[in-house]
């Protein structure tokens, strides 16, 4: 098995992270399945203070991954963005949304977030 993929912590300190065992508990999956989701780029993780975690905003209150997250990660990767660049963009305030793309992804603006990600491709 390959190592668990993660990127540098470019997420603001104010963003809460779930450690991988907590992600597994939230999703009601074995932690090895969470590792596979990271390898398949269905989720993205960062390493903060020596611990790998996934932004809590990526999960719904009923224990699921936010519906459009996987598609957004694919669109950004296909557009030439690294995981760090993708996370920076997702957690940068945007007054026209309002808030961050990561927060908007959880609501009725999810399609607008995907549209903007497609338009940013380089």
PDB file of N, CA and C in Angstrom:
ATOM      1  N   UNK A   1       0.833  -1.187   0.000  1.00  0.00           N
ATOM      2  CA  UNK A   1       0.000   0.000   0.000  1.00  0.00           C
ATOM      3  C   UNK A   1       0.876   1.248   0.000  1.00  0.00           C
ATOM      4  N   UNK A   2       0.412   2.263  -0.686  1.00  0.00           N
ATOM      5  CA  UNK A   2       1.149   3.517  -0.714  1.00  0.00           C
ATOM      6  C   UNK A   2       0.842   4.335   0.539  1.00  0.00           C
ATOM      7  N   UNK A   3       1.641   5.349   0.747  1.00  0.00           N
ATOM      8  CA  UNK A   3       1.461   6.219   1.901  1.00  0.00           C
ATOM      9  C   UNK A   3       0.161   7.006   1.776  1.00  0.00           C
ATOM     10  N   UNK A   4      -0.306   7.495   2.898  1.00  0.00           N
ATOM     11  CA  UNK A   4      -1.523   8.300   2.912  1.00  0.00           C
ATOM     12  C   UNK A   4      -1.191   9.663   2.312  1.00  0.00           C
ATOM     13  N   UNK A   5      -1.895  10.069   1.253  1.00  0.00           N
ATOM     14  CA  UNK A   5      -1.577  11.367   0.636  1.00  0.00           C
ATOM     15  C   UNK A   5      -2.113  12.536   1.463  1.00  0.00           C
ATOM     16  N   UNK A   6      -1.298  13.558   1.576  1.00  0.00           N
ATOM     17  CA  UNK A   6      -1.701  14.803   2.219  1.00  0.00           C
ATOM     18  C   UNK A   6      -0.864  15.907   1.613  1.00  0.00           C
ATOM     19  N   UNK A   7      -1.281  17.143   1.846  1.00  0.00           N
ATOM     20  CA  UNK A   7      -0.515  18.275   1.341  1.00  0.00           C
ATOM     21  C   UNK A   7      -0.168  19.204   2.494  1.00  0.00           C
ATOM     22  N   UNK A   8       0.626  20.210   2.184  1.00  0.00           N
ATOM     23  CA  UNK A   8       0.981  21.200   3.187  1.00  0.00           C
ATOM     24  C   UNK A   8      -0.279  21.881   3.704  1.00  0.00           C
ATOM     25  N   UNK A   9      -0.233  22.310   4.948  1.00  0.00           N
ATOM     26  CA  UNK A   9      -1.389  22.962   5.551  1.00  0.00           C
ATOM     27  C   UNK A   9      -1.471  24.409   5.083  1.00  0.00           C
ATOM     28  N   UNK A  10      -2.303  24.638   4.078  1.00  0.00           N
ATOM     29  CA  UNK A  10      -2.538  25.982   3.558  1.00  0.00           C
ATOM     30  C   UNK A  10      -3.926  26.470   3.960  1.00  0.00           C
ATOM     31  N   UNK A  11      -4.604  25.695   4.789  1.00  0.00           N
ATOM     32  CA  UNK A  11      -5.940  26.020   5.261  1.00  0.00           C
ATOM     33  C   UNK A  11      -5.802  26.955   6.466  1.00  0.00           C
ATOM     34  N   UNK A  12      -6.634  27.998   6.551  1.00  0.00           N
ATOM     35  CA  UNK A  12      -6.541  28.897   7.715  1.00  0.00           C
ATOM     36  C   UNK A  12      -6.665  28.140   9.028  1.00  0.00           C
ATOM     37  N   UNK A  13      -5.945  28.599  10.035  1.00  0.00           N
ATOM     38  CA  UNK A  13      -5.960  27.962  11.354  1.00  0.00           C
ATOM     39  C   UNK A  13      -7.366  27.889  11.938  1.00  0.00           C
ATOM     40  N   UNK A  14      -8.238  28.817  11.542  1.00  0.00           N
ATOM     41  CA  UNK A  14      -9.604  28.837  12.068  1.00  0.00           C
ATOM     42  C   UNK A  14     -10.455  27.677  11.549  1.00  0.00           C
ATOM     43  N   UNK A  15      -9.998  27.005  10.490  1.00  0.00           N
ATOM     44  CA  UNK A  15     -10.738  25.888   9.912  1.00  0.00           C
ATOM     45  C   UNK A  15     -10.431  24.631  10.715  1.00  0.00           C
ATOM     46  N   UNK A  16     -11.474  24.034  11.240  1.00  0.00           N
ATOM     47  CA  UNK A  16     -11.333  22.829  12.047  1.00  0.00           C
ATOM     48  C   UNK A  16     -11.045  21.625  11.150  1.00  0.00           C
ATOM     49  N   UNK A  17     -10.108  20.791  11.597  1.00  0.00           N
ATOM     50  CA  UNK A  17      -9.771  19.568  10.870  1.00  0.00           C
ATOM     51  C   UNK A  17     -10.224  18.355  11.662  1.00  0.00           C
ATOM     52  N   UNK A  18     -10.655  17.329  10.948  1.00  0.00           N
ATOM     53  CA  UNK A  18     -10.950  16.038  11.567  1.00  0.00           C
ATOM     54  C   UNK A  18      -9.791  15.102  11.291  1.00  0.00           C
ATOM     55  N   UNK A  19      -9.260  14.476  12.339  1.00  0.00           N
ATOM     56  CA  UNK A  19      -8.219  13.483  12.152  1.00  0.00           C
ATOM     57  C   UNK A  19      -8.832  12.277  11.435  1.00  0.00           C
ATOM     58  N   UNK A  20      -8.000  11.499  10.763  1.00  0.00           N
ATOM     59  CA  UNK A  20      -8.511  10.410   9.936  1.00  0.00           C
ATOM     60  C   UNK A  20      -9.378   9.402  10.687  1.00  0.00           C
ATOM     61  N   UNK A  21      -9.044   9.016  11.928  1.00  0.00           N
ATOM     62  CA  UNK A  21      -9.957   8.124  12.655  1.00  0.00           C
ATOM     63  C   UNK A  21     -11.341   8.764  12.876  1.00  0.00           C
ATOM     64  N   UNK A  22     -11.357  10.090  13.073  1.00  0.00           N
ATOM     65  CA  UNK A  22     -12.629  10.792  13.253  1.00  0.00           C
ATOM     66  C   UNK A  22     -13.402  10.876  11.938  1.00  0.00           C
ATOM     67  N   UNK A  23     -12.680  11.011  10.815  1.00  0.00           N
ATOM     68  CA  UNK A  23     -13.320  10.984   9.501  1.00  0.00           C
ATOM     69  C   UNK A  23     -13.985   9.620   9.305  1.00  0.00           C
ATOM     70  N   UNK A  24     -13.264   8.569   9.637  1.00  0.00           N
ATOM     71  CA  UNK A  24     -13.802   7.213   9.498  1.00  0.00           C
ATOM     72  C   UNK A  24     -15.053   7.037  10.362  1.00  0.00           C
ATOM     73  N   UNK A  25     -15.012   7.555  11.573  1.00  0.00           N
ATOM     74  CA  UNK A  25     -16.171   7.453  12.466  1.00  0.00           C
ATOM     75  C   UNK A  25     -17.348   8.245  11.908  1.00  0.00           C
ATOM     76  N   UNK A  26     -17.082   9.446  11.404  1.00  0.00           N
ATOM     77  CA  UNK A  26     -18.132  10.290  10.824  1.00  0.00           C
ATOM     78  C   UNK A  26     -18.801   9.601   9.641  1.00  0.00           C
ATOM     79  N   UNK A  27     -17.984   8.992   8.777  1.00  0.00           N
ATOM     80  CA  UNK A  27     -18.507   8.352   7.569  1.00  0.00           C
ATOM     81  C   UNK A  27     -18.964   6.915   7.813  1.00  0.00           C
ATOM     82  N   UNK A  28     -18.711   6.416   9.030  1.00  0.00           N
ATOM     83  CA  UNK A  28     -19.044   5.031   9.388  1.00  0.00           C
ATOM     84  C   UNK A  28     -18.348   4.045   8.441  1.00  0.00           C
ATOM     85  N   UNK A  29     -17.049   4.279   8.259  1.00  0.00           N
ATOM     86  CA  UNK A  29     -16.217   3.452   7.388  1.00  0.00           C
ATOM     87  C   UNK A  29     -14.949   3.063   8.128  1.00  0.00           C
ATOM     88  N   UNK A  30     -14.285   1.994   7.683  1.00  0.00           N
ATOM     89  CA  UNK A  30     -12.968   1.696   8.247  1.00  0.00           C
ATOM     90  C   UNK A  30     -11.971   2.784   7.831  1.00  0.00           C
ATOM     91  N   UNK A  31     -11.003   3.027   8.667  1.00  0.00           N
ATOM     92  CA  UNK A  31     -10.017   4.067   8.365  1.00  0.00           C
ATOM     93  C   UNK A  31      -9.252   3.748   7.074  1.00  0.00           C
ATOM     94  N   UNK A  32      -9.112   2.469   6.757  1.00  0.00           N
ATOM     95  CA  UNK A  32      -8.433   2.107   5.504  1.00  0.00           C
ATOM     96  C   UNK A  32      -9.227   2.582   4.289  1.00  0.00           C
ATOM     97  N   UNK A  33     -10.540   2.623   4.403  1.00  0.00           N
ATOM     98  CA  UNK A  33     -11.377   3.143   3.303  1.00  0.00           C
ATOM     99  C   UNK A  33     -11.187   4.655   3.161  1.00  0.00           C
ATOM    100  N   UNK A  34     -11.005   5.357   4.277  1.00  0.00           N
ATOM    101  CA  UNK A  34     -10.715   6.795   4.238  1.00  0.00           C
ATOM    102  C   UNK A  34      -9.378   7.017   3.535  1.00  0.00           C
ATOM    103  N   UNK A  35      -8.391   6.190   3.829  1.00  0.00           N
ATOM    104  CA  UNK A  35      -7.087   6.285   3.151  1.00  0.00           C
ATOM    105  C   UNK A  35      -7.281   6.134   1.641  1.00  0.00           C
ATOM    106  N   UNK A  36      -8.118   5.177   1.242  1.00  0.00           N
ATOM    107  CA  UNK A  36      -8.372   4.967  -0.187  1.00  0.00           C
ATOM    108  C   UNK A  36      -9.093   6.172  -0.802  1.00  0.00           C
ATOM    109  N   UNK A  37      -9.998   6.767  -0.070  1.00  0.00           N
ATOM    110  CA  UNK A  37     -10.691   7.968  -0.568  1.00  0.00           C
ATOM    111  C   UNK A  37      -9.699   9.101  -0.808  1.00  0.00           C
ATOM    112  N   UNK A  38      -8.696   9.202   0.050  1.00  0.00           N
ATOM    113  CA  UNK A  38      -7.648  10.217  -0.137  1.00  0.00           C
ATOM    114  C   UNK A  38      -6.805   9.892  -1.366  1.00  0.00           C
ATOM    115  N   UNK A  39      -6.461   8.625  -1.534  1.00  0.00           N
ATOM    116  CA  UNK A  39      -5.675   8.225  -2.711  1.00  0.00           C
ATOM    117  C   UNK A  39      -6.469   8.439  -4.000  1.00  0.00           C
ATOM    118  N   UNK A  40      -7.793   8.233  -3.935  1.00  0.00           N
ATOM    119  CA  UNK A  40      -8.650   8.410  -5.110  1.00  0.00           C
ATOM    120  C   UNK A  40      -9.065   9.860  -5.327  1.00  0.00           C
ATOM    121  N   UNK A  41      -8.582  10.742  -4.482  1.00  0.00           N
ATOM    122  CA  UNK A  41      -8.881  12.175  -4.543  1.00  0.00           C
ATOM    123  C   UNK A  41     -10.369  12.492  -4.375  1.00  0.00           C
ATOM    124  N   UNK A  42     -11.049  11.662  -3.600  1.00  0.00           N
ATOM    125  CA  UNK A  42     -12.422  11.971  -3.219  1.00  0.00           C
ATOM    126  C   UNK A  42     -12.433  12.914  -2.028  1.00  0.00           C
ATOM    127  N   UNK A  43     -11.318  12.935  -1.313  1.00  0.00           N
ATOM    128  CA  UNK A  43     -11.078  13.835  -0.187  1.00  0.00           C
ATOM    129  C   UNK A  43      -9.661  14.370  -0.326  1.00  0.00           C
ATOM    130  N   UNK A  44      -9.372  15.434   0.390  1.00  0.00           N
ATOM    131  CA  UNK A  44      -8.013  15.966   0.438  1.00  0.00           C
ATOM    132  C   UNK A  44      -7.684  16.256   1.898  1.00  0.00           C
ATOM    133  N   UNK A  45      -6.462  15.940   2.290  1.00  0.00           N
ATOM    134  CA  UNK A  45      -6.028  16.112   3.678  1.00  0.00           C
ATOM    135  C   UNK A  45      -4.799  17.006   3.744  1.00  0.00           C
ATOM    136  N   UNK A  46      -4.616  17.598   4.902  1.00  0.00           N
ATOM    137  CA  UNK A  46      -3.426  18.404   5.182  1.00  0.00           C
ATOM    138  C   UNK A  46      -2.774  17.871   6.447  1.00  0.00           C
ATOM    139  N   UNK A  47      -1.525  18.230   6.626  1.00  0.00           N
ATOM    140  CA  UNK A  47      -0.819  17.843   7.849  1.00  0.00           C
ATOM    141  C   UNK A  47      -0.616  19.105   8.675  1.00  0.00           C
ATOM    142  N   UNK A  48      -1.236  19.127   9.844  1.00  0.00           N
ATOM    143  CA  UNK A  48      -1.155  20.278  10.755  1.00  0.00           C
ATOM    144  C   UNK A  48      -0.595  19.789  12.086  1.00  0.00           C
ATOM    145  N   UNK A  49       0.478  20.403  12.512  1.00  0.00           N
ATOM    146  CA  UNK A  49       1.114  20.038  13.785  1.00  0.00           C
ATOM    147  C   UNK A  49       1.412  18.545  13.866  1.00  0.00           C
ATOM    148  N   UNK A  50       1.832  17.977  12.727  1.00  0.00           N
ATOM    149  CA  UNK A  50       2.227  16.577  12.687  1.00  0.00           C
ATOM    150  C   UNK A  50       1.088  15.584  12.562  1.00  0.00           C
ATOM    151  N   UNK A  51      -0.131  16.072  12.448  1.00  0.00           N
ATOM    152  CA  UNK A  51      -1.300  15.193  12.376  1.00  0.00           C
ATOM    153  C   UNK A  51      -2.029  15.435  11.057  1.00  0.00           C
ATOM    154  N   UNK A  52      -2.392  14.351  10.379  1.00  0.00           N
ATOM    155  CA  UNK A  52      -3.118  14.461   9.114  1.00  0.00           C
ATOM    156  C   UNK A  52      -4.603  14.633   9.414  1.00  0.00           C
ATOM    157  N   UNK A  53      -5.208  15.623   8.733  1.00  0.00           N
ATOM    158  CA  UNK A  53      -6.625  15.881   8.951  1.00  0.00           C
ATOM    159  C   UNK A  53      -7.305  16.389   7.695  1.00  0.00           C
ATOM    160  N   UNK A  54      -8.621  16.285   7.708  1.00  0.00           N
ATOM    161  CA  UNK A  54      -9.468  16.728   6.606  1.00  0.00           C
ATOM    162  C   UNK A  54     -10.349  17.857   7.131  1.00  0.00           C
ATOM    163  N   UNK A  55     -10.486  18.967   6.381  1.00  0.00           N
ATOM    164  CA  UNK A  55     -11.341  20.057   6.852  1.00  0.00           C
ATOM    165  C   UNK A  55     -12.760  19.570   7.178  1.00  0.00           C
ATOM    166  N   UNK A  56     -13.234  19.947   8.337  1.00  0.00           N
ATOM    167  CA  UNK A  56     -14.550  19.520   8.801  1.00  0.00           C
ATOM    168  C   UNK A  56     -15.664  20.030   7.886  1.00  0.00           C
ATOM    169  N   UNK A  57     -15.441  21.146   7.208  1.00  0.00           N
ATOM    170  CA  UNK A  57     -16.427  21.691   6.271  1.00  0.00           C
ATOM    171  C   UNK A  57     -16.759  20.735   5.131  1.00  0.00           C
ATOM    172  N   UNK A  58     -15.920  19.741   4.904  1.00  0.00           N
ATOM    173  CA  UNK A  58     -16.136  18.810   3.798  1.00  0.00           C
ATOM    174  C   UNK A  58     -17.173  17.735   4.126  1.00  0.00           C
ATOM    175  N   UNK A  59     -17.774  17.806   5.323  1.00  0.00           N
ATOM    176  CA  UNK A  59     -18.732  16.790   5.742  1.00  0.00           C
ATOM    177  C   UNK A  59     -20.051  17.438   6.144  1.00  0.00           C
ATOM    178  N   UNK A  60     -21.136  16.739   5.850  1.00  0.00           N
ATOM    179  CA  UNK A  60     -22.458  17.206   6.242  1.00  0.00           C
ATOM    180  C   UNK A  60     -22.729  16.788   7.681  1.00  0.00           C
ATOM    181  N   UNK A  61     -23.774  17.358   8.255  1.00  0.00           N
ATOM    182  CA  UNK A  61     -24.132  17.017   9.638  1.00  0.00           C
ATOM    183  C   UNK A  61     -24.611  15.580   9.773  1.00  0.00           C
ATOM    184  N   UNK A  62     -25.096  15.008   8.661  1.00  0.00           N
ATOM    185  CA  UNK A  62     -25.578  13.626   8.735  1.00  0.00           C
ATOM    186  C   UNK A  62     -24.505  12.599   8.354  1.00  0.00           C
ATOM    187  N   UNK A  63     -23.237  13.021   8.373  1.00  0.00           N
ATOM    188  CA  UNK A  63     -22.137  12.074   8.224  1.00  0.00           C
ATOM    189  C   UNK A  63     -21.817  11.644   6.809  1.00  0.00           C
ATOM    190  N   UNK A  64     -21.924  12.561   5.880  1.00  0.00           N
ATOM    191  CA  UNK A  64     -21.574  12.270   4.489  1.00  0.00           C
ATOM    192  C   UNK A  64     -20.590  13.325   3.986  1.00  0.00           C
ATOM    193  N   UNK A  65     -19.881  12.979   2.915  1.00  0.00           N
ATOM    194  CA  UNK A  65     -19.010  13.953   2.262  1.00  0.00           C
ATOM    195  C   UNK A  65     -19.910  14.914   1.493  1.00  0.00           C
ATOM    196  N   UNK A  66     -19.595  16.206   1.541  1.00  0.00           N
ATOM    197  CA  UNK A  66     -20.368  17.200   0.795  1.00  0.00           C
ATOM    198  C   UNK A  66     -20.452  16.742  -0.659  1.00  0.00           C
ATOM    199  N   UNK A  67     -21.652  16.746  -1.190  1.00  0.00           N
ATOM    200  CA  UNK A  67     -21.956  16.120  -2.476  1.00  0.00           C
ATOM    201  C   UNK A  67     -21.027  16.546  -3.622  1.00  0.00           C
ATOM    202  N   UNK A  68     -20.752  17.809  -3.756  1.00  0.00           N
ATOM    203  CA  UNK A  68     -19.993  18.306  -4.907  1.00  0.00           C
ATOM    204  C   UNK A  68     -18.479  18.316  -4.704  1.00  0.00           C
ATOM    205  N   UNK A  69     -17.993  17.916  -3.533  1.00  0.00           N
ATOM    206  CA  UNK A  69     -16.556  18.012  -3.243  1.00  0.00           C
ATOM    207  C   UNK A  69     -15.702  17.216  -4.218  1.00  0.00           C
ATOM    208  N   UNK A  70     -16.032  15.980  -4.433  1.00  0.00           N
ATOM    209  CA  UNK A  70     -15.225  15.134  -5.316  1.00  0.00           C
ATOM    210  C   UNK A  70     -15.150  15.741  -6.723  1.00  0.00           C
ATOM    211  N   UNK A  71     -16.282  16.190  -7.242  1.00  0.00           N
ATOM    212  CA  UNK A  71     -16.301  16.815  -8.562  1.00  0.00           C
ATOM    213  C   UNK A  71     -15.460  18.070  -8.609  1.00  0.00           C
ATOM    214  N   UNK A  72     -15.520  18.878  -7.560  1.00  0.00           N
ATOM    215  CA  UNK A  72     -14.724  20.095  -7.507  1.00  0.00           C
ATOM    216  C   UNK A  72     -13.232  19.767  -7.494  1.00  0.00           C
ATOM    217  N   UNK A  73     -12.844  18.776  -6.707  1.00  0.00           N
ATOM    218  CA  UNK A  73     -11.425  18.389  -6.654  1.00  0.00           C
ATOM    219  C   UNK A  73     -10.938  17.916  -8.024  1.00  0.00           C
ATOM    220  N   UNK A  74     -11.773  17.182  -8.744  1.00  0.00           N
ATOM    221  CA  UNK A  74     -11.409  16.700 -10.078  1.00  0.00           C
ATOM    222  C   UNK A  74     -11.287  17.867 -11.052  1.00  0.00           C
ATOM    223  N   UNK A  75     -12.257  18.789 -11.024  1.00  0.00           N
ATOM    224  CA  UNK A  75     -12.229  19.947 -11.922  1.00  0.00           C
ATOM    225  C   UNK A  75     -10.967  20.771 -11.683  1.00  0.00           C
ATOM    226  N   UNK A  76     -10.623  21.010 -10.426  1.00  0.00           N
ATOM    227  CA  UNK A  76      -9.428  21.803 -10.122  1.00  0.00           C
ATOM    228  C   UNK A  76      -8.157  21.072 -10.545  1.00  0.00           C
ATOM    229  N   UNK A  77      -8.080  19.773 -10.309  1.00  0.00           N
ATOM    230  CA  UNK A  77      -6.902  19.010 -10.734  1.00  0.00           C
ATOM    231  C   UNK A  77      -6.775  19.018 -12.252  1.00  0.00           C
ATOM    232  N   UNK A  78      -7.888  18.763 -12.948  1.00  0.00           N
ATOM    233  CA  UNK A  78      -7.870  18.785 -14.412  1.00  0.00           C
ATOM    234  C   UNK A  78      -7.521  20.171 -14.954  1.00  0.00           C
ATOM    235  N   UNK A  79      -7.825  21.205 -14.163  1.00  0.00           N
ATOM    236  CA  UNK A  79      -7.506  22.570 -14.552  1.00  0.00           C
ATOM    237  C   UNK A  79      -6.064  22.961 -14.287  1.00  0.00           C
ATOM    238  N   UNK A  80      -5.280  22.034 -13.747  1.00  0.00           N
ATOM    239  CA  UNK A  80      -3.863  22.297 -13.524  1.00  0.00           C
ATOM    240  C   UNK A  80      -3.509  22.749 -12.126  1.00  0.00           C
ATOM    241  N   UNK A  81      -4.445  22.702 -11.208  1.00  0.00           N
ATOM    242  CA  UNK A  81      -4.178  23.160  -9.847  1.00  0.00           C
ATOM    243  C   UNK A  81      -3.694  22.007  -8.973  1.00  0.00           C
ATOM    244  N   UNK A  82      -2.681  22.295  -8.162  1.00  0.00           N
ATOM    245  CA  UNK A  82      -2.202  21.314  -7.187  1.00  0.00           C
ATOM    246  C   UNK A  82      -3.209  21.261  -6.038  1.00  0.00           C
ATOM    247  N   UNK A  83      -3.055  20.292  -5.163  1.00  0.00           N
ATOM    248  CA  UNK A  83      -3.953  20.209  -4.006  1.00  0.00           C
ATOM    249  C   UNK A  83      -3.814  21.451  -3.123  1.00  0.00           C
ATOM    250  N   UNK A  84      -2.584  21.938  -2.947  1.00  0.00           N
ATOM    251  CA  UNK A  84      -2.375  23.140  -2.131  1.00  0.00           C
ATOM    252  C   UNK A  84      -3.065  24.349  -2.756  1.00  0.00           C
ATOM    253  N   UNK A  85      -2.909  24.518  -4.074  1.00  0.00           N
ATOM    254  CA  UNK A  85      -3.552  25.641  -4.764  1.00  0.00           C
ATOM    255  C   UNK A  85      -5.069  25.522  -4.690  1.00  0.00           C
ATOM    256  N   UNK A  86      -5.568  24.308  -4.821  1.00  0.00           N
ATOM    257  CA  UNK A  86      -7.012  24.078  -4.736  1.00  0.00           C
ATOM    258  C   UNK A  86      -7.537  24.464  -3.357  1.00  0.00           C
ATOM    259  N   UNK A  87      -6.838  24.011  -2.314  1.00  0.00           N
ATOM    260  CA  UNK A  87      -7.272  24.335  -0.956  1.00  0.00           C
ATOM    261  C   UNK A  87      -7.181  25.833  -0.672  1.00  0.00           C
ATOM    262  N   UNK A  88      -6.115  26.485  -1.143  1.00  0.00           N
ATOM    263  CA  UNK A  88      -6.007  27.939  -0.959  1.00  0.00           C
ATOM    264  C   UNK A  88      -7.220  28.635  -1.557  1.00  0.00           C
ATOM    265  N   UNK A  89      -7.565  28.253  -2.796  1.00  0.00           N
ATOM    266  CA  UNK A  89      -8.710  28.871  -3.464  1.00  0.00           C
ATOM    267  C   UNK A  89     -10.004  28.560  -2.712  1.00  0.00           C
ATOM    268  N   UNK A  90     -10.164  27.315  -2.291  1.00  0.00           N
ATOM    269  CA  UNK A  90     -11.402  26.912  -1.614  1.00  0.00           C
ATOM    270  C   UNK A  90     -11.612  27.634  -0.290  1.00  0.00           C
ATOM    271  N   UNK A  91     -10.536  28.046   0.369  1.00  0.00           N
ATOM    272  CA  UNK A  91     -10.656  28.677   1.679  1.00  0.00           C
ATOM    273  C   UNK A  91     -10.297  30.165   1.673  1.00  0.00           C
ATOM    274  N   UNK A  92     -10.310  30.785   0.484  1.00  0.00           N
ATOM    275  CA  UNK A  92     -10.102  32.229   0.376  1.00  0.00           C
ATOM    276  C   UNK A  92     -11.460  32.911   0.300  1.00  0.00           C
ATOM    277  N   UNK A  93     -11.654  33.911   1.139  1.00  0.00           N
ATOM    278  CA  UNK A  93     -12.922  34.652   1.158  1.00  0.00           C
ATOM    279  C   UNK A  93     -13.220  35.236  -0.215  1.00  0.00           C
ATOM    280  N   UNK A  94     -14.480  35.148  -0.612  1.00  0.00           N
ATOM    281  CA  UNK A  94     -14.950  35.691  -1.883  1.00  0.00           C
ATOM    282  C   UNK A  94     -16.272  36.405  -1.609  1.00  0.00           C
ATOM    283  N   UNK A  95     -16.237  37.741  -1.634  1.00  0.00           N
ATOM    284  CA  UNK A  95     -17.419  38.536  -1.296  1.00  0.00           C
ATOM    285  C   UNK A  95     -18.594  38.281  -2.225  1.00  0.00           C
ATOM    286  N   UNK A  96     -18.329  37.811  -3.420  1.00  0.00           N
ATOM    287  CA  UNK A  96     -19.425  37.590  -4.372  1.00  0.00           C
ATOM    288  C   UNK A  96     -20.172  36.287  -4.108  1.00  0.00           C
ATOM    289  N   UNK A  97     -19.696  35.449  -3.198  1.00  0.00           N
ATOM    290  CA  UNK A  97     -20.410  34.186  -2.950  1.00  0.00           C
ATOM    291  C   UNK A  97     -21.506  34.300  -1.882  1.00  0.00           C
ATOM    292  N   UNK A  98     -21.446  34.830  -0.790  1.00  0.00           N
ATOM    293  CA  UNK A  98     -20.374  35.346   0.063  1.00  0.00           C
ATOM    294  C   UNK A  98     -19.694  34.218   0.846  1.00  0.00           C
ATOM    295  N   UNK A  99     -18.559  34.539   1.414  1.00  0.00           N
ATOM    296  CA  UNK A  99     -17.790  33.549   2.166  1.00  0.00           C
ATOM    297  C   UNK A  99     -16.738  32.903   1.292  1.00  0.00           C
ATOM    298  N   UNK A 100     -16.409  31.681   1.623  1.00  0.00           N
ATOM    299  CA  UNK A 100     -15.398  30.942   0.868  1.00  0.00           C
ATOM    300  C   UNK A 100     -16.076  29.947  -0.076  1.00  0.00           C
ATOM    301  N   UNK A 101     -15.393  29.554  -1.146  1.00  0.00           N
ATOM    302  CA  UNK A 101     -15.950  28.499  -1.998  1.00  0.00           C
ATOM    303  C   UNK A 101     -16.238  27.214  -1.216  1.00  0.00           C
ATOM    304  N   UNK A 102     -15.395  26.875  -0.244  1.00  0.00           N
ATOM    305  CA  UNK A 102     -15.624  25.659   0.551  1.00  0.00           C
ATOM    306  C   UNK A 102     -16.941  25.740   1.306  1.00  0.00           C
ATOM    307  N   UNK A 103     -17.244  26.895   1.876  1.00  0.00           N
ATOM    308  CA  UNK A 103     -18.510  27.066   2.592  1.00  0.00           C
ATOM    309  C   UNK A 103     -19.684  27.083   1.622  1.00  0.00           C
ATOM    310  N   UNK A 104     -19.507  27.751   0.481  1.00  0.00           N
ATOM    311  CA  UNK A 104     -20.577  27.837  -0.518  1.00  0.00           C
ATOM    312  C   UNK A 104     -20.896  26.470  -1.119  1.00  0.00           C
ATOM    313  N   UNK A 105     -19.926  25.589  -1.127  1.00  0.00           N
ATOM    314  CA  UNK A 105     -20.114  24.244  -1.675  1.00  0.00           C
ATOM    315  C   UNK A 105     -21.173  23.468  -0.900  1.00  0.00           C
ATOM    316  N   UNK A 106     -21.413  23.872   0.328  1.00  0.00           N
ATOM    317  CA  UNK A 106     -22.376  23.184   1.197  1.00  0.00           C
ATOM    318  C   UNK A 106     -23.813  23.650   0.977  1.00  0.00           C
ATOM    319  N   UNK A 107     -24.008  24.672   0.155  1.00  0.00           N
ATOM    320  CA  UNK A 107     -25.346  25.223   0.002  1.00  0.00           C
ATOM    321  C   UNK A 107     -25.799  25.313  -1.434  1.00  0.00           C
ATOM    322  N   UNK A 108     -26.695  26.250  -1.666  1.00  0.00           N
ATOM    323  CA  UNK A 108     -27.286  26.401  -2.991  1.00  0.00           C
ATOM    324  C   UNK A 108     -26.335  27.006  -4.027  1.00  0.00           C
ATOM    325  N   UNK A 109     -25.157  27.421  -3.612  1.00  0.00           N
ATOM    326  CA  UNK A 109     -24.179  28.000  -4.538  1.00  0.00           C
ATOM    327  C   UNK A 109     -23.152  26.981  -5.033  1.00  0.00           C
ATOM    328  N   UNK A 110     -23.368  25.713  -4.759  1.00  0.00           N
ATOM    329  CA  UNK A 110     -22.401  24.677  -5.133  1.00  0.00           C
ATOM    330  C   UNK A 110     -22.135  24.670  -6.641  1.00  0.00           C
ATOM    331  N   UNK A 111     -23.161  24.804  -7.439  1.00  0.00           N
ATOM    332  CA  UNK A 111     -22.966  24.808  -8.900  1.00  0.00           C
ATOM    333  C   UNK A 111     -22.162  26.019  -9.351  1.00  0.00           C
ATOM    334  N   UNK A 112     -22.366  27.143  -8.683  1.00  0.00           N
ATOM    335  CA  UNK A 112     -21.595  28.349  -9.014  1.00  0.00           C
ATOM    336  C   UNK A 112     -20.124  28.137  -8.681  1.00  0.00           C
ATOM    337  N   UNK A 113     -19.841  27.467  -7.580  1.00  0.00           N
ATOM    338  CA  UNK A 113     -18.452  27.166  -7.210  1.00  0.00           C
ATOM    339  C   UNK A 113     -17.820  26.291  -8.290  1.00  0.00           C
ATOM    340  N   UNK A 114     -18.519  25.257  -8.738  1.00  0.00           N
ATOM    341  CA  UNK A 114     -18.003  24.381  -9.793  1.00  0.00           C
ATOM    342  C   UNK A 114     -17.794  25.155 -11.097  1.00  0.00           C
ATOM    343  N   UNK A 115     -18.722  26.033 -11.432  1.00  0.00           N
ATOM    344  CA  UNK A 115     -18.599  26.829 -12.653  1.00  0.00           C
ATOM    345  C   UNK A 115     -17.350  27.709 -12.592  1.00  0.00           C
ATOM    346  N   UNK A 116     -17.127  28.340 -11.450  1.00  0.00           N
ATOM    347  CA  UNK A 116     -15.947  29.202 -11.297  1.00  0.00           C
ATOM    348  C   UNK A 116     -14.655  28.388 -11.375  1.00  0.00           C
ATOM    349  N   UNK A 117     -14.658  27.202 -10.803  1.00  0.00           N
ATOM    350  CA  UNK A 117     -13.473  26.343 -10.865  1.00  0.00           C
ATOM    351  C   UNK A 117     -13.185  25.954 -12.317  1.00  0.00           C
ATOM    352  N   UNK A 118     -14.213  25.658 -13.090  1.00  0.00           N
ATOM    353  CA  UNK A 118     -14.018  25.322 -14.499  1.00  0.00           C
ATOM    354  C   UNK A 118     -13.463  26.505 -15.272  1.00  0.00           C
ATOM    355  N   UNK A 119     -13.925  27.703 -14.951  1.00  0.00           N
ATOM    356  CA  UNK A 119     -13.488  28.912 -15.656  1.00  0.00           C
ATOM    357  C   UNK A 119     -12.036  29.273 -15.326  1.00  0.00           C
ATOM    358  N   UNK A 120     -11.529  28.797 -14.188  1.00  0.00           N
ATOM    359  CA  UNK A 120     -10.157  29.128 -13.777  1.00  0.00           C
ATOM    360  C   UNK A 120      -9.099  28.258 -14.430  1.00  0.00           C
ATOM    361  N   UNK A 121      -9.495  27.222 -15.123  1.00  0.00           N
ATOM    362  CA  UNK A 121      -8.508  26.277 -15.690  1.00  0.00           C
ATOM    363  C   UNK A 121      -7.438  27.000 -16.503  1.00  0.00           C
ATOM    364  N   UNK A 122      -6.228  26.506 -16.370  1.00  0.00           N
ATOM    365  CA  UNK A 122      -5.123  27.107 -17.153  1.00  0.00           C
ATOM    366  C   UNK A 122      -4.365  26.069 -17.902  1.00  0.00           C
TER     367      UNK A 122
END
